[in-house]
Structure formats: structure tokens, C-alpha cells
Amino acid sequence: MAGSTHTVGAQAPPATGHDLFTTDRPLAEGVARHLAPELLAEARAELALLGRTAGSAQVREWGRLADAHPPVLRTHGRDGRRIDEVECHPSLHHLLGAGVAAGLTSAWTRPGGHVRRAAAFLVWSQVEGGRLSPLSMTHAAVPALRAQPELAAVWEPLLTSGAYDAGAGPAAGRAGALVGRGMPQGRGGGDGPADAVRARALGDGGYVLAGRQWWCGAPVADGFLVLAQAPGGPTCFLVPRVLADGGRNGLAFQRLEDAPGGRSLPSAEVEFDGTRALRVGDEGRGPHTVGGLVAASRLDQVLGAAGLMRLAVARAVHHGAYREAAGGGRLPDGPLAENVLADLALESEAATTLALRLAAAYDAPDPAERDMLRLAVPAAAYWVTGRCAPLLAEARDCLGGAGGAQQPGMPRLPHDAAPTPAGPGSGNRRALDVLRVLRGEPGAFHAFLVEIGRARGADHRLDAAVKALLTELGDLDGIEARARRLTERIALVLQGSLLVRFAPPEVADLFCATRLGGDGGAAFGTLPHTLDLGALVERARPV
């Protein structure tokens, strides 16, 4: 008798069992736009397979289990000796293995690798956030390791092999490897001075480290890139987790951090005590050596934020399709709900389009593309990650009371969206990096102007926004206080130029009207009602 009264008729069915890549129209269109025709069929097949995997009930359950069962730090074995192992739930290893197999650590070694990886990263970020950090840091470590060719010859094949080898062991003989990163803490937060860890040279060409680092990402990794103070100045080092003879390498994990940004694999605090290390690049060139790592990690912040935005919008649109408004009719068909969903979809599409364009610049042989990245990446990281949290909150609100329940997964998304030091820097730091590039790298600004100039004349509101940006850049008085304002405008103008060139007319028109032309409010759901909003909602529908 009790069972007959349990009828659930007011909730949308789970949005599982569909392809997260193919049903994401802006993403699929972007891949087709940026990949060479001869690569497209293979890439689509790979990404569709990953999309179906990521959208499956099994993988969603892996994500839930990995988040529900955070890792445990085992500092000592039963005999009292230090082992410093991080014990993770098997679901996390399943997710890491699938991410590695999908090419999230092998972009540097195949044609069109960065666009293919970016699309895969955007899809895979919709499953669970904690396992993204080791995949991101491993990918970003490749350009840093190339500063020391003999190290790269050993480690790069492991990092890009597409194989995941769980458990600790010497690098030699492993099918694949992951690399984490350690950072010292400076006064007031952010990266601190490298002299928190000291490096002493040994006669065999190696070094030994001593000191403490407040943050060590991906403590399950096989090696770590760290900055330490060598005799010649701040230097980058690779610290293997396990030595060639199988012995532990003196990394003493003090605790796992209790912080947002993926409970399934938090960072750790670590002490180095007689820890063997291999130099990466010249002594005193550490900050320069890790520069490429920082840029690649920041692009992953853009990709991760864009993936979470897509997930939230898809869930909101899917939920609305099965709900009735108070006055009758489907919820998205009501003009106010439609306005909110269309605004969220517009923000998500702009983020995805920008992220893929930046990834394509990494694949391009033209040096001007890399120049453009030096300005566009910190601007995009500032803007897209900053827009992610309010979008997630609004999308959760679209689910009503169900948005606050853990089962649909919406409350977890803001924690997954929390920026991690894998792509370091607060909003202020990213904005100041934009100013540094504007002041000291004219080639980067020129490449940016060339990029947005490709859309000149296509929309009068975009042209006016570009003119206003150039006028503001001509006034250097108090420019540091205006760093965030300038960075926002750079990101918006770049997004607008891309949408005008590549998106459907109704998408580009709405973006230019509201983000550049002033015909929109501060909150989501304030689009002008005279434009075609239903087309945007339909374009964002996941199934």
C-alpha cells in the first residue's frame, strides 16, 4: 500500500545516456572550425566516444563516489616507517585513467592536439572536478621539461603515452606517469619566494632539497615540478616521487588541504628533507622555465570553467523542459524563464568559443598566434572564471528547490569551479599580468588587434567597443586601478569578435547588444525581449 503513494511527477528525469560532445553545438562547431579537414573525422569519433562515456550513468556514479570518498593520507606504514601515500577511492583512478586515455595529457605530440584536447577537457570537466588537476599539471609540465632535453627524453614519453599507471614506482619501466607541482607561499597569498626550499648541488649533477612548500598539487603524481633556491638563484627542479632503486624520495606530506575545488583529490603540504631533485633549465631561470606551465594551466582554467558553465546550462534547460510554470505550459516557454535560460546559454557559448580559439592558437605554426596568447590567456582566465560562479548560482536557481539537493549535483559545481593553483593567480594577479603584457610586449597587443580586426565592420557595437578600448588604453594615468576594467573589456571584445565571425546571427546579435552595446543588465535574465531568445535556448538543449 505504501509503495502505491510514492509517485514522483514533478521532477525531470536524469540527463544521462547522451553524448556530451555531439549535443554541445558550439563545442562541436568549434572543433570543426579549428581542425584541419583530414583530422576531423577521427577527432569527432574520439570526442563522441568520450562524450558518450562522460554522459553515461556509470561515469556519473564514479564522479559521485570520488567526491563522496575523499582520499586519506597515510604518513606511516605499520612498521613505523614513513610511506607518505595518498589513498584514493577506486573511482578516482577510473576517472584519471579515462582522462589520460582520452588524450588530456598528450596534446603536444599529435596534430591538432591542443584543439582535440581542449574539447576533451571541456567534456571531461563535466564529470567531477578533483581529477582535473593532475591531468592539467601533467599536460602543462611538458613545455617546462623541454628546457632540459635529457630529462624530457625520459619523462615526456611517459607523460604523453596515453596510459595511466596507478601506484608508486620508479619512472623507468612505467607505462605512463603524472606530474604535479609545488609552490611556496608568499606574504599575502600567491606564489612566494623560492627560498622557502633550498637546493644544494651534488657531485653527480643532481641536487638535494630541504624546506617546506605550502601547496603541492596532485600528491598521487609520479614527480613534481618545484621552485627552489639554488646557488645561482631560483631554479626549477623535477622531484621524482620514487627513486630509481625503488626507495622513497624524502617527500613528507604533512596534511591534505581542506579547500574547495574538488574534494576527490586535494592538494597537500609537503616538507623536503634530503630529497633528491633534477634540475630543469639553468640555475636562476626557474620563473622563466615555469612560465609556459603557468600559461597552459591558465588555459585549462578557462576550459574547466567553460565546461562547468555548459554543464549547468544543460541541466537548467533540461530541467525546464519537464517542468510546468505556475500559469501552465512548459517552464522555458514562459518569457521570463526563457530570458534567463537564453542569457545563461549566451554566456556559456561565448566562453566555449573563446576557449577553443585559444587552444587553436597553440596548434598554429604562426608565431603571431603565440604572441596573441600572452595577452588573451590571462584576460580570458580573469573573465571566464569570474563569470562562472554567478552563472552556476543562477543555473542552480533555475532548478528551484531541486537545485539545492545534492542528487542532481548542482550544489557541488561551485566547489569544482573554485580556482586552484594549477592555474595560479587571483583575479588581481591576472589583471596585472595583462597590464604587464600591454606595457612590455607590443607584439602581443599587435597580434590581439589583428585578431579582433578580422571582425571589423561586421557589427557597429563591436566597432564602438574596440574604439572605446583603444581610447582607454591611450590614457595611462591610474591604469593599475583600472586593470580589471581593461581586462574585462579585452575579454569581451575578443569574445564579441569571435561570435560575430563564427556564431549564428542571433547569438552574435544578442552578445553585442548586451555585453558590448549596453542593452542588458547586471543580472542574468535581462536580455532585450525583442530579440529571438527561444533559438538560444533550443541551441543549448542537451538532448
Protein backbone atom coordinates (compact mmCIF):
# COMPACT_ATOMS: atom_id res chain seq x y z
CA MET A 1 0.00 0.00 0.00
CA ALA A 2 2.79 2.44 0.92
CA GLY A 3 4.51 1.94 -2.41
CA SER A 4 1.46 3.00 -4.40
CA THR A 5 1.58 6.52 -2.93
CA HIS A 6 5.19 7.13 -3.94
CA THR A 7 4.77 8.83 -7.30
CA VAL A 8 7.32 11.43 -8.40
CA GLY A 9 5.80 13.54 -11.13
CA ALA A 10 7.34 16.99 -10.66
CA GLN A 11 11.00 16.26 -11.38
CA ALA A 12 12.89 15.95 -14.62
CA PRO A 13 14.42 12.55 -15.40
CA PRO A 14 18.21 12.27 -15.05
CA ALA A 15 20.05 13.78 -18.02
CA THR A 16 22.21 10.72 -18.60
CA GLY A 17 22.81 8.45 -21.54
CA HIS A 18 23.57 11.16 -24.10
CA ASP A 19 26.71 12.37 -25.86
CA LEU A 20 28.10 15.44 -24.08
CA PHE A 21 30.19 16.38 -27.10
CA THR A 22 27.83 15.99 -30.06
CA THR A 23 24.88 17.61 -28.26
CA ASP A 24 27.01 20.65 -27.39
CA ARG A 25 26.59 22.56 -30.63
CA PRO A 26 29.05 25.42 -30.00
CA LEU A 27 31.72 22.90 -29.00
CA ALA A 28 31.18 20.57 -31.96
CA GLU A 29 31.10 23.53 -34.36
CA GLY A 30 34.29 24.94 -32.86
CA VAL A 31 36.16 21.66 -33.31
CA ALA A 32 35.06 21.52 -36.96
CA ARG A 33 36.16 25.13 -37.43
CA HIS A 34 39.64 24.83 -35.96
CA LEU A 35 40.78 21.35 -37.00
CA ALA A 36 42.26 20.52 -40.39
CA PRO A 37 39.76 18.57 -42.57
CA GLU A 38 41.97 15.47 -42.66
CA LEU A 39 41.86 15.27 -38.83
CA LEU A 40 38.19 15.97 -38.35
CA ALA A 41 36.62 12.52 -38.81
CA GLU A 42 39.00 10.84 -36.38
CA ALA A 43 38.66 13.65 -33.83
CA ARG A 44 34.87 13.60 -34.00
CA ALA A 45 34.81 9.86 -33.43
CA GLU A 46 37.15 10.14 -30.43
CA LEU A 47 35.24 13.04 -28.90
CA ALA A 48 31.84 11.45 -29.48
CA LEU A 49 33.05 8.32 -27.70
CA LEU A 50 34.31 10.43 -24.81
CA GLY A 51 31.05 12.39 -24.84
CA ARG A 52 29.00 9.20 -24.51
CA THR A 53 31.31 7.95 -21.78
CA ALA A 54 31.10 11.20 -19.83
CA GLY A 55 27.31 11.26 -20.21
CA SER A 56 26.82 7.71 -19.01
CA ALA A 57 25.27 6.74 -15.69
CA GLN A 58 28.40 4.72 -14.83
CA VAL A 59 30.78 7.66 -15.13
CA ARG A 60 28.41 9.95 -13.26
CA GLU A 61 28.43 7.39 -10.46
CA TRP A 62 32.24 7.36 -10.49
CA GLY A 63 32.17 11.11 -10.06
CA ARG A 64 29.73 10.87 -7.16
CA LEU A 65 31.76 8.19 -5.40
CA ALA A 66 35.06 10.03 -5.89
CA ASP A 67 33.55 13.17 -4.36
CA ALA A 68 31.83 11.27 -1.53
CA HIS A 69 35.00 9.40 -0.53
CA PRO A 70 37.91 11.87 -0.38
CA PRO A 71 41.45 10.48 -0.16
CA VAL A 72 43.21 9.62 3.06
CA LEU A 73 46.85 10.47 3.81
CA ARG A 74 48.86 7.52 5.15
CA THR A 75 52.08 9.04 6.50
CA HIS A 76 53.47 5.84 8.10
CA GLY A 77 53.30 2.15 7.44
CA ARG A 78 52.58 -0.48 10.06
CA ASP A 79 56.29 -0.82 10.84
CA GLY A 80 56.52 2.88 11.74
CA ARG A 81 58.43 3.94 8.63
CA ARG A 82 57.21 6.84 6.53
CA ILE A 83 55.38 5.89 3.37
CA ASP A 84 53.55 9.19 2.58
CA GLU A 85 50.90 7.61 0.40
CA VAL A 86 47.60 9.19 -0.57
CA GLU A 87 44.93 6.51 -0.65
CA CYS A 88 42.16 7.31 -3.16
CA HIS A 89 38.84 5.71 -3.95
CA PRO A 90 38.99 3.37 -6.98
CA SER A 91 36.52 5.64 -8.79
CA LEU A 92 39.11 8.40 -8.89
CA HIS A 93 41.59 6.07 -10.58
CA HIS A 94 38.92 5.10 -13.12
CA LEU A 95 38.37 8.79 -13.91
CA LEU A 96 42.08 9.57 -14.16
CA GLY A 97 42.67 6.58 -16.41
CA ALA A 98 39.84 7.53 -18.73
CA GLY A 99 41.07 11.13 -18.89
CA VAL A 100 44.61 10.08 -19.77
CA ALA A 101 43.32 7.64 -22.41
CA ALA A 102 41.22 10.46 -23.91
CA GLY A 103 44.36 12.49 -24.66
CA LEU A 104 44.20 15.03 -21.84
CA THR A 105 47.95 14.72 -21.29
CA SER A 106 49.14 14.18 -24.88
CA ALA A 107 48.28 17.36 -26.78
CA TRP A 108 51.91 18.26 -27.52
CA THR A 109 52.64 15.17 -29.59
CA ARG A 110 49.88 14.90 -32.20
CA PRO A 111 48.49 17.11 -35.00
CA GLY A 112 45.69 19.38 -33.83
CA GLY A 113 46.42 18.10 -30.36
CA HIS A 114 45.51 21.25 -28.45
CA VAL A 115 42.08 21.70 -30.03
CA ARG A 116 41.30 18.00 -29.60
CA ARG A 117 42.48 18.08 -26.01
CA ALA A 118 40.61 21.31 -25.26
CA ALA A 119 37.34 19.80 -26.45
CA ALA A 120 38.01 16.63 -24.46
CA PHE A 121 38.95 18.64 -21.35
CA LEU A 122 35.76 20.68 -21.65
CA VAL A 123 33.69 17.48 -21.88
CA TRP A 124 35.52 15.62 -19.11
CA SER A 125 35.30 18.60 -16.74
CA GLN A 126 31.55 17.96 -16.60
CA VAL A 127 32.02 14.73 -14.65
CA GLU A 128 33.92 15.64 -11.45
CA GLY A 129 36.43 18.39 -10.73
CA GLY A 130 39.08 16.85 -8.47
CA ARG A 131 40.77 14.63 -11.05
CA LEU A 132 41.34 17.51 -13.47
CA SER A 133 44.26 18.97 -11.52
CA PRO A 134 46.78 16.14 -12.11
CA LEU A 135 45.76 15.90 -15.77
CA SER A 136 46.17 19.65 -16.21
CA MET A 137 49.52 19.83 -14.46
CA THR A 138 50.88 16.85 -16.39
CA HIS A 139 49.90 18.48 -19.68
CA ALA A 140 51.42 21.81 -18.62
CA ALA A 141 54.68 20.20 -17.45
CA VAL A 142 55.76 19.21 -20.97
CA PRO A 143 57.00 22.64 -22.16
CA ALA A 144 58.81 23.16 -18.85
CA LEU A 145 60.62 19.81 -19.08
CA ARG A 146 61.79 20.63 -22.60
CA ALA A 147 64.11 23.21 -21.05
CA GLN A 148 66.22 20.17 -20.02
CA PRO A 149 66.33 17.90 -23.10
CA GLU A 150 67.82 14.86 -21.36
CA LEU A 151 65.01 14.93 -18.79
CA ALA A 152 62.38 15.46 -21.45
CA ALA A 153 63.69 12.45 -23.35
CA VAL A 154 62.89 10.24 -20.34
CA TRP A 155 59.75 11.86 -18.94
CA GLU A 156 57.86 13.30 -21.93
CA PRO A 157 57.08 9.87 -23.45
CA LEU A 158 55.65 8.82 -20.08
CA LEU A 159 53.52 11.94 -19.70
CA THR A 160 52.13 11.73 -23.24
CA SER A 161 51.79 7.94 -23.57
CA GLY A 162 48.02 7.87 -23.08
CA ALA A 163 48.44 5.19 -20.41
CA TYR A 164 47.59 5.58 -16.71
CA ASP A 165 49.76 3.62 -14.30
CA ALA A 166 48.35 3.82 -10.77
CA GLY A 167 50.55 3.25 -7.74
CA ALA A 168 54.03 4.45 -6.83
CA GLY A 169 57.18 3.21 -8.57
CA PRO A 170 60.34 4.32 -10.37
CA ALA A 171 59.83 6.15 -13.65
CA ALA A 172 61.78 3.55 -15.60
CA GLY A 173 59.51 0.73 -16.71
CA ARG A 174 56.23 2.56 -16.12
CA ALA A 175 53.61 2.70 -18.86
CA GLY A 176 52.76 6.32 -18.06
CA ALA A 177 53.27 8.99 -15.45
CA LEU A 178 51.66 12.08 -13.95
CA VAL A 179 53.47 15.21 -12.77
CA GLY A 180 52.29 17.56 -10.04
CA ARG A 181 53.54 20.95 -9.00
CA GLY A 182 54.72 22.52 -5.75
CA MET A 183 54.57 26.21 -4.86
CA PRO A 184 55.89 28.22 -1.93
CA GLN A 185 53.59 30.66 -0.17
CA GLY A 186 54.40 34.35 -0.27
CA ARG A 187 53.20 37.08 2.03
CA GLY A 188 49.61 37.97 1.27
CA GLY A 189 48.98 34.79 -0.76
CA GLY A 190 50.03 33.71 -4.22
CA ASP A 191 53.36 32.31 -5.29
CA GLY A 192 56.06 33.15 -2.81
CA PRO A 193 59.85 33.31 -2.90
CA ALA A 194 61.64 30.15 -3.95
CA ASP A 195 63.98 30.34 -0.95
CA ALA A 196 61.36 28.57 1.18
CA VAL A 197 63.11 25.49 -0.26
CA ARG A 198 66.90 25.38 -0.64
CA ALA A 199 68.73 23.31 -3.25
CA ARG A 200 72.28 22.03 -2.71
CA ALA A 201 74.26 20.73 -5.68
CA LEU A 202 75.75 17.24 -5.53
CA GLY A 203 78.80 15.96 -7.33
CA ASP A 204 76.80 13.71 -9.68
CA GLY A 205 74.90 16.58 -11.28
CA GLY A 206 71.86 16.13 -9.07
CA TYR A 207 70.63 18.26 -6.19
CA VAL A 208 69.20 17.71 -2.75
CA LEU A 209 66.30 19.82 -1.46
CA ALA A 210 65.38 20.93 2.05
CA GLY A 211 62.44 23.07 3.14
CA ARG A 212 58.67 23.29 3.13
CA GLN A 213 56.12 24.12 0.47
CA TRP A 214 52.61 25.07 1.49
CA TRP A 215 51.00 23.68 -1.64
CA CYS A 216 51.76 20.53 -3.58
CA GLY A 217 49.23 19.69 -6.27
CA ALA A 218 48.33 16.13 -7.29
CA PRO A 219 50.01 14.30 -4.40
CA VAL A 220 49.42 10.98 -6.20
CA ALA A 221 51.72 12.06 -9.04
CA ASP A 222 54.97 10.32 -10.00
CA GLY A 223 57.01 13.54 -9.96
CA PHE A 224 56.70 17.20 -9.02
CA LEU A 225 58.00 20.41 -10.55
CA VAL A 226 59.08 22.77 -7.78
CA LEU A 227 60.93 26.06 -7.48
CA ALA A 228 63.85 26.14 -5.07
CA GLN A 229 66.74 28.47 -4.28
CA ALA A 230 69.89 27.09 -5.89
CA PRO A 231 73.35 28.73 -5.66
CA GLY A 232 72.62 30.54 -8.95
CA GLY A 233 69.15 31.76 -7.96
CA PRO A 234 65.56 30.46 -8.18
CA THR A 235 65.60 27.26 -10.20
CA CYS A 236 63.04 24.74 -11.39
CA PHE A 237 63.53 21.11 -10.32
CA LEU A 238 61.86 17.80 -11.05
CA VAL A 239 61.40 15.77 -7.87
CA PRO A 240 60.66 12.06 -8.51
CA ARG A 241 58.29 10.50 -6.01
CA VAL A 242 60.22 7.24 -6.03
CA LEU A 243 63.95 6.86 -6.71
CA ALA A 244 65.41 4.57 -9.34
CA ASP A 245 66.21 1.91 -6.71
CA GLY A 246 62.58 1.87 -5.54
CA GLY A 247 63.21 3.86 -2.36
CA ARG A 248 61.07 6.79 -1.26
CA ASN A 249 62.49 10.21 -2.03
CA GLY A 250 62.08 12.15 1.19
CA LEU A 251 58.77 13.86 0.41
CA ALA A 252 56.98 14.13 3.75
CA PHE A 253 53.33 15.08 3.24
CA GLN A 254 52.12 16.97 6.32
CA ARG A 255 48.41 17.10 5.58
CA LEU A 256 45.85 17.24 2.79
CA GLU A 257 44.25 20.64 2.33
CA ASP A 258 40.57 21.04 3.15
CA ALA A 259 39.74 23.50 0.38
CA PRO A 260 37.17 23.92 -2.40
CA GLY A 261 37.97 22.84 -5.90
CA GLY A 262 37.49 19.08 -5.93
CA ARG A 263 37.28 17.04 -2.73
CA SER A 264 38.26 13.86 -4.53
CA LEU A 265 41.92 14.89 -4.84
CA PRO A 266 43.01 17.85 -2.70
CA SER A 267 46.46 19.36 -2.61
CA ALA A 268 48.95 18.69 0.19
CA GLU A 269 51.53 20.47 2.30
CA VAL A 270 54.95 18.90 1.87
CA GLU A 271 58.37 19.03 3.50
CA PHE A 272 61.56 18.17 1.65
CA ASP A 273 64.27 16.55 3.76
CA GLY A 274 67.24 15.23 1.84
CA THR A 275 65.02 14.98 -1.24
CA ARG A 276 66.80 14.21 -4.49
CA ALA A 277 65.96 16.54 -7.39
CA LEU A 278 66.89 17.00 -11.05
CA ARG A 279 67.46 20.50 -12.42
CA VAL A 280 65.10 21.70 -15.17
CA GLY A 281 66.67 24.57 -17.10
CA ASP A 282 69.55 26.75 -15.98
CA GLU A 283 70.10 27.90 -12.41
CA GLY A 284 68.42 31.22 -11.77
CA ARG A 285 65.95 30.72 -14.64
CA GLY A 286 63.25 28.97 -12.65
CA PRO A 287 60.48 31.56 -13.08
CA HIS A 288 61.14 31.66 -16.83
CA THR A 289 61.16 27.86 -17.05
CA VAL A 290 57.74 27.54 -15.43
CA GLY A 291 56.25 30.40 -17.49
CA GLY A 292 54.87 28.05 -20.13
CA LEU A 293 53.47 25.82 -17.42
CA VAL A 294 51.55 28.75 -15.94
CA ALA A 295 50.12 29.80 -19.32
CA ALA A 296 48.97 26.27 -20.17
CA SER A 297 47.43 25.87 -16.73
CA ARG A 298 45.55 29.14 -17.11
CA LEU A 299 44.05 27.98 -20.39
CA ASP A 300 42.85 24.90 -18.53
CA GLN A 301 41.14 27.18 -16.03
CA VAL A 302 39.24 28.71 -18.94
CA LEU A 303 38.38 25.27 -20.31
CA GLY A 304 37.32 23.92 -16.93
CA ALA A 305 35.12 26.94 -16.24
CA ALA A 306 33.58 26.71 -19.71
CA GLY A 307 32.84 23.02 -19.14
CA LEU A 308 31.11 23.68 -15.83
CA MET A 309 29.11 26.51 -17.39
CA ARG A 310 27.96 24.19 -20.17
CA LEU A 311 27.00 21.50 -17.65
CA ALA A 312 24.99 23.94 -15.54
CA VAL A 313 23.18 25.42 -18.54
CA ALA A 314 22.39 21.99 -19.97
CA ARG A 315 20.93 20.87 -16.66
CA ALA A 316 18.86 24.03 -16.31
CA VAL A 317 17.44 23.74 -19.84
CA HIS A 318 16.80 20.01 -19.43
CA HIS A 319 15.05 20.55 -16.11
CA GLY A 320 12.86 23.31 -17.51
CA ALA A 321 11.67 21.13 -20.38
CA TYR A 322 9.93 18.83 -17.89
CA ARG A 323 8.50 21.47 -15.54
CA GLU A 324 5.34 23.48 -15.77
CA ALA A 325 5.16 27.15 -14.86
CA ALA A 326 2.64 28.36 -12.29
CA GLY A 327 0.36 29.67 -15.03
CA GLY A 328 0.59 26.48 -17.10
CA GLY A 329 2.81 25.49 -20.03
CA ARG A 330 6.42 24.36 -20.10
CA LEU A 331 8.72 26.42 -17.90
CA PRO A 332 11.14 27.50 -20.70
CA ASP A 333 8.20 28.69 -22.80
CA GLY A 334 7.43 31.41 -20.27
CA PRO A 335 9.03 34.69 -21.37
CA LEU A 336 10.89 35.32 -18.10
CA ALA A 337 12.29 31.80 -17.77
CA GLU A 338 13.23 31.86 -21.44
CA ASN A 339 15.11 35.12 -20.90
CA VAL A 340 17.15 33.66 -18.05
CA LEU A 341 17.99 30.44 -19.89
CA ALA A 342 18.91 32.31 -23.08
CA ASP A 343 21.22 34.63 -21.14
CA LEU A 344 22.94 31.69 -19.47
CA ALA A 345 23.30 29.91 -22.81
CA LEU A 346 24.79 33.05 -24.36
CA GLU A 347 27.44 33.30 -21.64
CA SER A 348 28.29 29.62 -21.96
CA GLU A 349 28.66 29.76 -25.74
CA ALA A 350 30.90 32.83 -25.54
CA ALA A 351 33.17 31.02 -23.05
CA THR A 352 33.39 27.87 -25.18
CA THR A 353 34.09 29.80 -28.38
CA LEU A 354 36.88 31.78 -26.74
CA ALA A 355 38.47 28.72 -25.11
CA LEU A 356 38.66 26.79 -28.37
CA ARG A 357 40.13 29.76 -30.24
CA LEU A 358 42.92 29.98 -27.67
CA ALA A 359 43.59 26.26 -27.93
CA ALA A 360 43.80 26.57 -31.72
CA ALA A 361 46.47 29.26 -31.33
CA TYR A 362 48.69 26.69 -29.57
CA ASP A 363 48.40 24.41 -32.60
CA ALA A 364 49.13 27.16 -35.15
CA PRO A 365 52.66 27.42 -36.60
CA ASP A 366 52.45 31.23 -36.88
CA PRO A 367 54.49 32.88 -34.06
CA ALA A 368 51.96 35.75 -34.00
CA GLU A 369 49.42 33.28 -32.60
CA ARG A 370 51.65 32.66 -29.58
CA ASP A 371 52.07 36.43 -29.20
CA MET A 372 48.30 36.79 -29.06
CA LEU A 373 48.07 34.13 -26.35
CA ARG A 374 50.31 36.12 -23.99
CA LEU A 375 47.61 38.78 -23.73
CA ALA A 376 44.48 36.74 -24.41
CA VAL A 377 45.07 33.88 -21.96
CA PRO A 378 45.31 35.92 -18.73
CA ALA A 379 42.41 38.11 -19.90
CA ALA A 380 40.28 35.05 -20.65
CA ALA A 381 41.24 33.39 -17.35
CA TYR A 382 40.23 36.53 -15.48
CA TRP A 383 36.89 36.93 -17.23
CA VAL A 384 35.61 33.38 -17.81
CA THR A 385 36.47 32.08 -14.34
CA GLY A 386 34.93 35.22 -12.85
CA ARG A 387 31.68 34.72 -14.78
CA CYS A 388 31.49 31.02 -13.93
CA ALA A 389 30.40 31.26 -10.28
CA PRO A 390 27.44 33.64 -10.81
CA LEU A 391 26.29 31.57 -13.80
CA LEU A 392 26.35 28.41 -11.69
CA ALA A 393 24.32 30.11 -8.97
CA GLU A 394 21.69 31.30 -11.47
CA ALA A 395 21.50 27.91 -13.17
CA ARG A 396 21.02 26.22 -9.80
CA ASP A 397 18.19 28.67 -9.09
CA CYS A 398 16.53 27.54 -12.33
CA LEU A 399 16.01 24.13 -10.73
CA GLY A 400 14.06 25.61 -7.82
CA GLY A 401 14.20 23.51 -4.67
CA ALA A 402 15.84 20.64 -6.57
CA GLY A 403 18.82 22.88 -7.22
CA GLY A 404 19.80 22.74 -3.57
CA ALA A 405 19.69 18.95 -3.36
CA GLN A 406 22.90 17.02 -3.73
CA GLN A 407 21.47 14.32 -6.00
CA PRO A 408 21.34 16.46 -9.19
CA GLY A 409 24.88 17.58 -8.40
CA MET A 410 24.26 21.32 -8.69
CA PRO A 411 25.50 22.32 -5.18
CA ARG A 412 28.88 20.70 -5.93
CA LEU A 413 29.54 22.76 -9.05
CA PRO A 414 30.65 25.99 -7.28
CA HIS A 415 33.25 23.94 -5.38
CA ASP A 416 34.52 22.41 -8.62
CA ALA A 417 34.65 25.93 -10.08
CA ALA A 418 36.93 27.26 -7.33
CA PRO A 419 40.24 28.25 -8.99
CA THR A 420 43.14 26.06 -7.97
CA PRO A 421 46.85 26.86 -8.02
CA ALA A 422 47.22 24.56 -11.03
CA GLY A 423 46.44 27.75 -12.92
CA PRO A 424 47.78 30.20 -10.39
CA GLY A 425 46.65 33.66 -9.59
CA SER A 426 43.83 35.69 -8.18
CA GLY A 427 41.76 37.99 -10.36
CA ASN A 428 44.04 40.88 -9.47
CA ARG A 429 47.11 38.94 -10.47
CA ARG A 430 45.64 38.01 -13.84
CA ALA A 431 44.64 41.62 -14.48
CA LEU A 432 48.12 42.84 -13.53
CA ASP A 433 49.63 40.26 -15.88
CA VAL A 434 47.51 41.78 -18.66
CA LEU A 435 48.96 45.21 -17.80
CA ARG A 436 52.48 43.78 -17.80
CA VAL A 437 51.97 42.42 -21.31
CA LEU A 438 50.42 45.69 -22.52
CA ARG A 439 53.37 47.65 -21.18
CA GLY A 440 56.22 45.39 -22.18
CA GLU A 441 55.18 43.22 -25.13
CA PRO A 442 53.92 45.34 -28.04
CA GLY A 443 53.94 42.30 -30.30
CA ALA A 444 51.28 40.65 -28.14
CA PHE A 445 48.99 43.68 -28.32
CA HIS A 446 49.53 43.94 -32.08
CA ALA A 447 48.57 40.28 -32.52
CA PHE A 448 45.45 40.89 -30.42
CA LEU A 449 44.48 43.84 -32.61
CA VAL A 450 44.96 41.74 -35.73
CA GLU A 451 42.69 39.06 -34.25
CA ILE A 452 39.80 41.36 -33.34
CA GLY A 453 40.35 43.32 -36.56
CA ARG A 454 39.14 40.31 -38.55
CA ALA A 455 35.60 41.21 -37.42
CA ARG A 456 35.87 44.93 -38.21
CA GLY A 457 32.75 46.36 -39.79
CA ALA A 458 30.57 43.33 -39.02
CA ASP A 459 28.75 44.95 -36.07
CA HIS A 460 28.67 48.61 -35.15
CA ARG A 461 28.53 47.87 -31.42
CA LEU A 462 31.68 45.76 -31.61
CA ASP A 463 33.44 48.50 -33.58
CA ALA A 464 32.42 51.09 -30.96
CA ALA A 465 33.66 48.83 -28.13
CA VAL A 466 37.05 48.42 -29.82
CA LYS A 467 37.33 52.17 -30.28
CA ALA A 468 36.47 52.77 -26.61
CA LEU A 469 39.08 50.21 -25.53
CA LEU A 470 41.79 51.88 -27.59
CA THR A 471 40.82 55.28 -26.19
CA GLU A 472 41.08 53.97 -22.64
CA LEU A 473 44.46 52.40 -23.33
CA GLY A 474 45.69 55.78 -24.52
CA ASP A 475 45.25 57.19 -21.02
CA LEU A 476 47.91 55.71 -18.73
CA ASP A 477 47.02 57.77 -15.64
CA GLY A 478 45.85 55.46 -12.88
CA ILE A 479 45.97 52.49 -15.20
CA GLU A 480 46.70 49.98 -12.43
CA ALA A 481 43.48 50.88 -10.65
CA ARG A 482 41.69 50.26 -13.96
CA ALA A 483 43.37 46.91 -14.60
CA ARG A 484 40.24 44.84 -14.03
CA ARG A 485 38.13 47.15 -16.19
CA LEU A 486 40.63 46.96 -19.04
CA THR A 487 40.98 43.19 -18.75
CA GLU A 488 37.21 42.74 -18.83
CA ARG A 489 36.93 44.89 -21.95
CA ILE A 490 39.73 43.00 -23.69
CA ALA A 491 38.00 39.68 -22.99
CA LEU A 492 34.57 40.93 -24.06
CA VAL A 493 35.85 42.48 -27.29
CA LEU A 494 37.66 39.24 -28.13
CA GLN A 495 34.56 37.15 -27.40
CA GLY A 496 32.42 39.51 -29.46
CA SER A 497 34.76 39.41 -32.43
CA LEU A 498 34.71 35.60 -32.42
CA LEU A 499 30.94 35.31 -32.13
CA VAL A 500 30.39 37.84 -34.92
CA ARG A 501 32.60 35.75 -37.17
CA PHE A 502 31.53 32.25 -36.22
CA ALA A 503 28.26 32.06 -34.25
CA PRO A 504 24.71 32.14 -35.62
CA PRO A 505 23.48 35.71 -36.20
CA GLU A 506 21.02 35.63 -33.30
CA VAL A 507 23.83 34.67 -30.88
CA ALA A 508 26.23 37.36 -32.10
CA ASP A 509 23.46 39.98 -32.14
CA LEU A 510 22.47 39.28 -28.54
CA PHE A 511 26.04 39.29 -27.34
CA CYS A 512 26.92 42.59 -29.00
CA ALA A 513 23.66 44.17 -27.81
CA THR A 514 24.03 43.16 -24.17
CA ARG A 515 27.75 42.71 -23.48
CA LEU A 516 29.06 45.49 -25.71
CA GLY A 517 26.12 47.77 -26.53
CA GLY A 518 24.77 48.31 -23.01
CA ASP A 519 21.33 46.79 -23.70
CA GLY A 520 21.43 44.36 -20.80
CA GLY A 521 21.51 44.37 -17.02
CA ALA A 522 23.97 43.21 -14.39
CA ALA A 523 21.98 40.05 -13.58
CA PHE A 524 21.24 37.13 -15.87
CA GLY A 525 17.80 37.24 -17.44
CA THR A 526 17.87 40.89 -18.53
CA LEU A 527 18.13 40.39 -22.31
CA PRO A 528 16.05 42.68 -24.54
CA HIS A 529 12.76 40.91 -25.23
CA THR A 530 12.63 41.99 -28.86
CA LEU A 531 15.32 39.51 -29.94
CA ASP A 532 14.98 35.78 -30.69
CA LEU A 533 15.63 34.17 -27.31
CA GLY A 534 13.96 30.81 -27.99
CA ALA A 535 16.59 29.95 -30.60
CA LEU A 536 19.36 30.27 -27.99
CA VAL A 537 17.52 28.02 -25.51
CA GLU A 538 16.92 25.40 -28.18
CA ARG A 539 20.56 25.58 -29.26
CA ALA A 540 21.63 24.83 -25.68
CA ARG A 541 19.28 21.86 -25.21
CA PRO A 542 21.40 18.80 -24.31
CA VAL A 543 19.12 16.04 -25.63
